[in-house]
Amino acid sequence: MSASNRRVQLTKTLLKEAFLALIAAAPYHKLTVSALCRKADVQRSTFYLHYNQVGDVLNDLVDEALQEAAQDERTLRKDFQALADLIHKEAPLEILLKKDCLLPICQRLAFKPEWKPLFQDETIAGLIMRRIYDKERPIMVPFLKAQGKMTEKEADKLFTFLLYGSFYVDKMMGFTKDQDWYRLQGRIMTFILKGLSS
């Protein structure tokens, strides 16, 4: 990586870290480019070299998180049958306690301490979920279509249900990962897997 690319990456990292720090203390609609630049210790002109608005930093954060999670999800999709068999043999609660990577992406993100404020902020939770939907749809819809032997339209609606349903269950539980939460996730996973295999 060239020195120029390293500087770009460093600047973007500083801005993303500043975004996460600021969102923990103030709602999204109060974040400004000036506040972000002050926190990141970068000039406004430098910000505008990389982003057009504060929302672009949010999109970059979500895209980065999705990219990190992609490997786990590719493995999960590849091993769908093994996962279904595992669910039938072992209690889903025990599986999830051992392998958080089996959880949907929105759940893995929402429980990262630095991400929790993002999902709790009503003004951006929907934006984040839409970004996740847009990025994951091309992967998940064909997967669900093949696994559930359904039309693309049905697979798309099922994906929407799974993504938003998971998010709202977590929200109702206050984004608290405890035994009750894991138990419920196990039941939801069993429900999904048995539904897809029927």
C-alpha atoms as a PDB file:
ATOM      1  CA  MET A   1       0.000   0.000   0.000  1.00  0.00           C
ATOM      2  CA  SER A   2       1.395   3.391  -0.979  1.00  0.00           C
ATOM      3  CA  ALA A   3       1.965   6.201   1.509  1.00  0.00           C
ATOM      4  CA  SER A   4      -0.913   8.119  -0.080  1.00  0.00           C
ATOM      5  CA  ASN A   5      -3.295   5.174   0.372  1.00  0.00           C
ATOM      6  CA  ARG A   6      -2.173   4.741   3.974  1.00  0.00           C
ATOM      7  CA  ARG A   7      -2.927   8.413   4.664  1.00  0.00           C
ATOM      8  CA  VAL A   8      -6.382   8.064   3.112  1.00  0.00           C
ATOM      9  CA  GLN A   9      -7.091   4.959   5.202  1.00  0.00           C
ATOM     10  CA  LEU A  10      -5.818   6.635   8.370  1.00  0.00           C
ATOM     11  CA  THR A  11      -7.953   9.731   7.774  1.00  0.00           C
ATOM     12  CA  LYS A  12     -11.065   7.654   7.104  1.00  0.00           C
ATOM     13  CA  THR A  13     -10.388   5.545  10.193  1.00  0.00           C
ATOM     14  CA  LEU A  14     -10.030   8.675  12.337  1.00  0.00           C
ATOM     15  CA  LEU A  15     -13.311  10.041  10.979  1.00  0.00           C
ATOM     16  CA  LYS A  16     -15.153   6.747  11.546  1.00  0.00           C
ATOM     17  CA  GLU A  17     -13.813   6.478  15.096  1.00  0.00           C
ATOM     18  CA  ALA A  18     -14.848  10.086  15.732  1.00  0.00           C
ATOM     19  CA  PHE A  19     -18.321   9.308  14.376  1.00  0.00           C
ATOM     20  CA  LEU A  20     -18.708   6.345  16.750  1.00  0.00           C
ATOM     21  CA  ALA A  21     -17.480   8.403  19.707  1.00  0.00           C
ATOM     22  CA  LEU A  22     -19.835  11.296  18.942  1.00  0.00           C
ATOM     23  CA  ILE A  23     -22.897   9.133  18.299  1.00  0.00           C
ATOM     24  CA  ALA A  24     -22.442   7.593  21.748  1.00  0.00           C
ATOM     25  CA  ALA A  25     -22.955  11.056  23.249  1.00  0.00           C
ATOM     26  CA  ALA A  26     -25.406  12.800  20.888  1.00  0.00           C
ATOM     27  CA  PRO A  27     -28.148  11.819  18.435  1.00  0.00           C
ATOM     28  CA  TYR A  28     -27.304  11.499  14.754  1.00  0.00           C
ATOM     29  CA  HIS A  29     -29.269  14.569  13.692  1.00  0.00           C
ATOM     30  CA  LYS A  30     -26.998  16.703  15.882  1.00  0.00           C
ATOM     31  CA  LEU A  31     -23.751  15.451  14.352  1.00  0.00           C
ATOM     32  CA  THR A  32     -22.045  17.967  12.100  1.00  0.00           C
ATOM     33  CA  VAL A  33     -19.072  17.856   9.810  1.00  0.00           C
ATOM     34  CA  SER A  34     -17.390  20.449  12.047  1.00  0.00           C
ATOM     35  CA  ALA A  35     -17.851  18.339  15.183  1.00  0.00           C
ATOM     36  CA  LEU A  36     -16.621  15.243  13.370  1.00  0.00           C
ATOM     37  CA  CYS A  37     -13.521  17.068  12.121  1.00  0.00           C
ATOM     38  CA  ARG A  38     -12.767  18.491  15.568  1.00  0.00           C
ATOM     39  CA  LYS A  39     -13.060  15.071  17.186  1.00  0.00           C
ATOM     40  CA  ALA A  40     -10.931  13.412  14.479  1.00  0.00           C
ATOM     41  CA  ASP A  41      -8.477  16.319  14.437  1.00  0.00           C
ATOM     42  CA  VAL A  42      -8.735  16.757  10.660  1.00  0.00           C
ATOM     43  CA  GLN A  43      -9.505  19.798   8.525  1.00  0.00           C
ATOM     44  CA  ARG A  44     -12.948  20.206   6.946  1.00  0.00           C
ATOM     45  CA  SER A  45     -11.299  20.313   3.526  1.00  0.00           C
ATOM     46  CA  THR A  46      -9.756  16.914   4.281  1.00  0.00           C
ATOM     47  CA  PHE A  47     -13.177  15.559   5.273  1.00  0.00           C
ATOM     48  CA  TYR A  48     -14.611  16.688   1.933  1.00  0.00           C
ATOM     49  CA  LEU A  49     -11.830  14.938   0.033  1.00  0.00           C
ATOM     50  CA  HIS A  50     -13.260  11.636   1.287  1.00  0.00           C
ATOM     51  CA  TYR A  51     -16.932  12.240   2.096  1.00  0.00           C
ATOM     52  CA  ASN A  52     -19.730  14.558   0.989  1.00  0.00           C
ATOM     53  CA  GLN A  53     -21.730  14.461   4.218  1.00  0.00           C
ATOM     54  CA  VAL A  54     -21.896  12.852   7.655  1.00  0.00           C
ATOM     55  CA  GLY A  55     -24.177  10.106   6.283  1.00  0.00           C
ATOM     56  CA  ASP A  56     -21.375   8.939   4.001  1.00  0.00           C
ATOM     57  CA  VAL A  57     -19.262   8.139   7.067  1.00  0.00           C
ATOM     58  CA  LEU A  58     -22.144   6.050   8.429  1.00  0.00           C
ATOM     59  CA  ASN A  59     -22.437   4.193   5.102  1.00  0.00           C
ATOM     60  CA  ASP A  60     -18.699   3.549   5.094  1.00  0.00           C
ATOM     61  CA  LEU A  61     -18.908   2.129   8.633  1.00  0.00           C
ATOM     62  CA  VAL A  62     -21.771  -0.204   7.711  1.00  0.00           C
ATOM     63  CA  ASP A  63     -20.056  -1.341   4.510  1.00  0.00           C
ATOM     64  CA  GLU A  64     -16.850  -2.076   6.409  1.00  0.00           C
ATOM     65  CA  ALA A  65     -18.714  -4.094   9.038  1.00  0.00           C
ATOM     66  CA  LEU A  66     -20.545  -6.072   6.356  1.00  0.00           C
ATOM     67  CA  GLN A  67     -17.277  -6.847   4.626  1.00  0.00           C
ATOM     68  CA  GLU A  68     -15.794  -8.159   7.885  1.00  0.00           C
ATOM     69  CA  ALA A  69     -18.832 -10.376   8.427  1.00  0.00           C
ATOM     70  CA  ALA A  70     -18.916 -11.675   4.854  1.00  0.00           C
ATOM     71  CA  GLN A  71     -16.523 -14.566   5.443  1.00  0.00           C
ATOM     72  CA  ASP A  72     -18.562 -15.966   8.324  1.00  0.00           C
ATOM     73  CA  GLU A  73     -21.734 -15.701   6.290  1.00  0.00           C
ATOM     74  CA  ARG A  74     -20.206 -17.391   3.227  1.00  0.00           C
ATOM     75  CA  THR A  75     -19.205 -20.282   5.464  1.00  0.00           C
ATOM     76  CA  LEU A  76     -22.672 -20.355   6.999  1.00  0.00           C
ATOM     77  CA  ARG A  77     -24.381 -20.496   3.601  1.00  0.00           C
ATOM     78  CA  LYS A  78     -21.958 -23.153   2.388  1.00  0.00           C
ATOM     79  CA  ASP A  79     -22.646 -25.273   5.440  1.00  0.00           C
ATOM     80  CA  PHE A  80     -26.401 -24.703   5.607  1.00  0.00           C
ATOM     81  CA  GLN A  81     -27.216 -28.403   5.686  1.00  0.00           C
ATOM     82  CA  ALA A  82     -24.569 -29.043   8.338  1.00  0.00           C
ATOM     83  CA  LEU A  83     -26.066 -26.209  10.393  1.00  0.00           C
ATOM     84  CA  ALA A  84     -29.586 -27.606   9.999  1.00  0.00           C
ATOM     85  CA  ASP A  85     -28.344 -31.050  11.077  1.00  0.00           C
ATOM     86  CA  LEU A  86     -26.523 -29.493  14.036  1.00  0.00           C
ATOM     87  CA  ILE A  87     -29.675 -27.679  15.150  1.00  0.00           C
ATOM     88  CA  HIS A  88     -31.567 -30.990  15.132  1.00  0.00           C
ATOM     89  CA  LYS A  89     -28.868 -32.789  17.155  1.00  0.00           C
ATOM     90  CA  GLU A  90     -27.815 -30.122  19.651  1.00  0.00           C
ATOM     91  CA  ALA A  91     -29.775 -27.453  21.490  1.00  0.00           C
ATOM     92  CA  PRO A  92     -29.765 -24.206  19.459  1.00  0.00           C
ATOM     93  CA  LEU A  93     -28.957 -22.270  22.636  1.00  0.00           C
ATOM     94  CA  GLU A  94     -25.709 -24.205  23.097  1.00  0.00           C
ATOM     95  CA  ILE A  95     -24.729 -23.713  19.452  1.00  0.00           C
ATOM     96  CA  LEU A  96     -25.290 -19.957  19.577  1.00  0.00           C
ATOM     97  CA  LEU A  97     -23.402 -19.600  22.847  1.00  0.00           C
ATOM     98  CA  LYS A  98     -20.395 -21.189  21.109  1.00  0.00           C
ATOM     99  CA  LYS A  99     -20.753 -19.585  17.657  1.00  0.00           C
ATOM    100  CA  ASP A 100     -21.932 -15.987  17.491  1.00  0.00           C
ATOM    101  CA  CYS A 101     -21.009 -15.991  13.795  1.00  0.00           C
ATOM    102  CA  LEU A 102     -24.254 -17.900  13.160  1.00  0.00           C
ATOM    103  CA  LEU A 103     -26.288 -14.868  14.167  1.00  0.00           C
ATOM    104  CA  PRO A 104     -27.626 -12.505  11.493  1.00  0.00           C
ATOM    105  CA  ILE A 105     -25.356  -9.577  10.671  1.00  0.00           C
ATOM    106  CA  CYS A 106     -27.617  -6.938  12.220  1.00  0.00           C
ATOM    107  CA  GLN A 107     -27.464  -8.784  15.536  1.00  0.00           C
ATOM    108  CA  ARG A 108     -23.699  -9.132  15.486  1.00  0.00           C
ATOM    109  CA  LEU A 109     -23.319  -5.426  14.748  1.00  0.00           C
ATOM    110  CA  ALA A 110     -25.926  -4.216  17.240  1.00  0.00           C
ATOM    111  CA  PHE A 111     -24.137  -5.930  20.109  1.00  0.00           C
ATOM    112  CA  LYS A 112     -20.711  -4.461  19.458  1.00  0.00           C
ATOM    113  CA  PRO A 113     -20.348  -1.818  22.194  1.00  0.00           C
ATOM    114  CA  GLU A 114     -19.351   0.892  19.718  1.00  0.00           C
ATOM    115  CA  TRP A 115     -22.321   0.065  17.456  1.00  0.00           C
ATOM    116  CA  LYS A 116     -25.052  -0.162  20.079  1.00  0.00           C
ATOM    117  CA  PRO A 117     -25.751   3.613  20.063  1.00  0.00           C
ATOM    118  CA  LEU A 118     -26.186   3.488  16.282  1.00  0.00           C
ATOM    119  CA  PHE A 119     -28.956   0.916  16.504  1.00  0.00           C
ATOM    120  CA  GLN A 120     -30.603   2.683  19.442  1.00  0.00           C
ATOM    121  CA  ASP A 121     -30.757   6.016  17.595  1.00  0.00           C
ATOM    122  CA  GLU A 122     -34.196   6.058  15.941  1.00  0.00           C
ATOM    123  CA  THR A 123     -33.039   8.478  13.245  1.00  0.00           C
ATOM    124  CA  ILE A 124     -30.395   6.151  11.829  1.00  0.00           C
ATOM    125  CA  ALA A 125     -31.396   2.607  12.771  1.00  0.00           C
ATOM    126  CA  GLY A 126     -33.636   2.490   9.705  1.00  0.00           C
ATOM    127  CA  LEU A 127     -30.839   3.835   7.500  1.00  0.00           C
ATOM    128  CA  ILE A 128     -28.469   1.162   8.779  1.00  0.00           C
ATOM    129  CA  MET A 129     -31.015  -1.597   8.264  1.00  0.00           C
ATOM    130  CA  ARG A 130     -31.709  -0.373   4.721  1.00  0.00           C
ATOM    131  CA  ARG A 131     -27.980  -0.330   3.968  1.00  0.00           C
ATOM    132  CA  ILE A 132     -27.642  -3.885   5.303  1.00  0.00           C
ATOM    133  CA  TYR A 133     -30.668  -4.930   3.224  1.00  0.00           C
ATOM    134  CA  ASP A 134     -29.228  -3.370   0.032  1.00  0.00           C
ATOM    135  CA  LYS A 135     -25.796  -4.940   0.527  1.00  0.00           C
ATOM    136  CA  GLU A 136     -26.951  -8.393   1.651  1.00  0.00           C
ATOM    137  CA  ARG A 137     -29.946  -8.808  -0.669  1.00  0.00           C
ATOM    138  CA  PRO A 138     -27.909  -9.969  -3.715  1.00  0.00           C
ATOM    139  CA  ILE A 139     -26.375 -12.711  -1.556  1.00  0.00           C
ATOM    140  CA  MET A 140     -29.243 -13.742   0.695  1.00  0.00           C
ATOM    141  CA  VAL A 141     -32.153 -13.750  -1.764  1.00  0.00           C
ATOM    142  CA  PRO A 142     -30.592 -16.359  -4.110  1.00  0.00           C
ATOM    143  CA  PHE A 143     -29.535 -18.383  -1.055  1.00  0.00           C
ATOM    144  CA  LEU A 144     -33.046 -18.362   0.435  1.00  0.00           C
ATOM    145  CA  LYS A 145     -34.562 -19.014  -2.992  1.00  0.00           C
ATOM    146  CA  ALA A 146     -32.444 -22.138  -3.437  1.00  0.00           C
ATOM    147  CA  GLN A 147     -32.782 -23.398   0.145  1.00  0.00           C
ATOM    148  CA  GLY A 148     -36.518 -22.795   0.379  1.00  0.00           C
ATOM    149  CA  LYS A 149     -37.383 -23.670  -3.223  1.00  0.00           C
ATOM    150  CA  MET A 150     -39.270 -20.392  -3.663  1.00  0.00           C
ATOM    151  CA  THR A 151     -39.580 -17.558  -6.145  1.00  0.00           C
ATOM    152  CA  GLU A 152     -37.251 -14.575  -6.003  1.00  0.00           C
ATOM    153  CA  LYS A 153     -40.115 -12.371  -4.823  1.00  0.00           C
ATOM    154  CA  GLU A 154     -40.909 -14.783  -1.977  1.00  0.00           C
ATOM    155  CA  ALA A 155     -37.225 -15.025  -1.038  1.00  0.00           C
ATOM    156  CA  ASP A 156     -36.959 -11.230  -0.994  1.00  0.00           C
ATOM    157  CA  LYS A 157     -39.959 -10.910   1.320  1.00  0.00           C
ATOM    158  CA  LEU A 158     -38.611 -13.653   3.575  1.00  0.00           C
ATOM    159  CA  PHE A 159     -35.226 -11.918   3.745  1.00  0.00           C
ATOM    160  CA  THR A 160     -36.962  -8.652   4.671  1.00  0.00           C
ATOM    161  CA  PHE A 161     -38.897 -10.463   7.400  1.00  0.00           C
ATOM    162  CA  LEU A 162     -35.758 -12.121   8.775  1.00  0.00           C
ATOM    163  CA  LEU A 163     -33.653  -8.961   8.750  1.00  0.00           C
ATOM    164  CA  TYR A 164     -36.168  -6.528  10.178  1.00  0.00           C
ATOM    165  CA  GLY A 165     -37.774  -9.117  12.451  1.00  0.00           C
ATOM    166  CA  SER A 166     -34.416  -9.951  14.033  1.00  0.00           C
ATOM    167  CA  PHE A 167     -33.698  -6.275  14.527  1.00  0.00           C
ATOM    168  CA  TYR A 168     -37.026  -5.514  16.203  1.00  0.00           C
ATOM    169  CA  VAL A 169     -36.814  -8.527  18.509  1.00  0.00           C
ATOM    170  CA  ASP A 170     -33.391  -7.292  19.627  1.00  0.00           C
ATOM    171  CA  LYS A 171     -34.736  -3.781  20.057  1.00  0.00           C
ATOM    172  CA  MET A 172     -37.633  -5.056  22.197  1.00  0.00           C
ATOM    173  CA  MET A 173     -35.088  -6.874  24.373  1.00  0.00           C
ATOM    174  CA  GLY A 174     -33.053  -3.683  24.811  1.00  0.00           C
ATOM    175  CA  PHE A 175     -30.076  -5.049  22.875  1.00  0.00           C
ATOM    176  CA  THR A 176     -29.184  -7.129  25.925  1.00  0.00           C
ATOM    177  CA  LYS A 177     -27.373 -10.388  25.208  1.00  0.00           C
ATOM    178  CA  ASP A 178     -28.254 -12.672  28.103  1.00  0.00           C
ATOM    179  CA  GLN A 179     -29.506 -16.258  28.536  1.00  0.00           C
ATOM    180  CA  ASP A 180     -33.075 -15.254  27.616  1.00  0.00           C
ATOM    181  CA  TRP A 181     -31.834 -13.549  24.470  1.00  0.00           C
ATOM    182  CA  TYR A 182     -29.762 -16.571  23.389  1.00  0.00           C
ATOM    183  CA  ARG A 183     -32.647 -18.917  24.151  1.00  0.00           C
ATOM    184  CA  LEU A 184     -34.992 -16.844  21.986  1.00  0.00           C
ATOM    185  CA  GLN A 185     -32.407 -16.666  19.175  1.00  0.00           C
ATOM    186  CA  GLY A 186     -32.136 -20.450  19.276  1.00  0.00           C
ATOM    187  CA  ARG A 187     -35.901 -20.754  18.907  1.00  0.00           C
ATOM    188  CA  ILE A 188     -35.918 -18.258  16.042  1.00  0.00           C
ATOM    189  CA  MET A 189     -33.087 -20.106  14.281  1.00  0.00           C
ATOM    190  CA  THR A 190     -34.889 -23.428  14.683  1.00  0.00           C
ATOM    191  CA  PHE A 191     -38.065 -21.824  13.305  1.00  0.00           C
ATOM    192  CA  ILE A 192     -36.185 -20.473  10.268  1.00  0.00           C
ATOM    193  CA  LEU A 193     -34.237 -23.649   9.519  1.00  0.00           C
ATOM    194  CA  LYS A 194     -37.223 -25.941   9.890  1.00  0.00           C
ATOM    195  CA  GLY A 195     -39.277 -23.590   7.748  1.00  0.00           C
ATOM    196  CA  LEU A 196     -36.671 -23.555   4.987  1.00  0.00           C
ATOM    197  CA  SER A 197     -36.262 -27.313   5.021  1.00  0.00           C
ATOM    198  CA  SER A 198     -40.004 -28.029   4.790  1.00  0.00           C
END
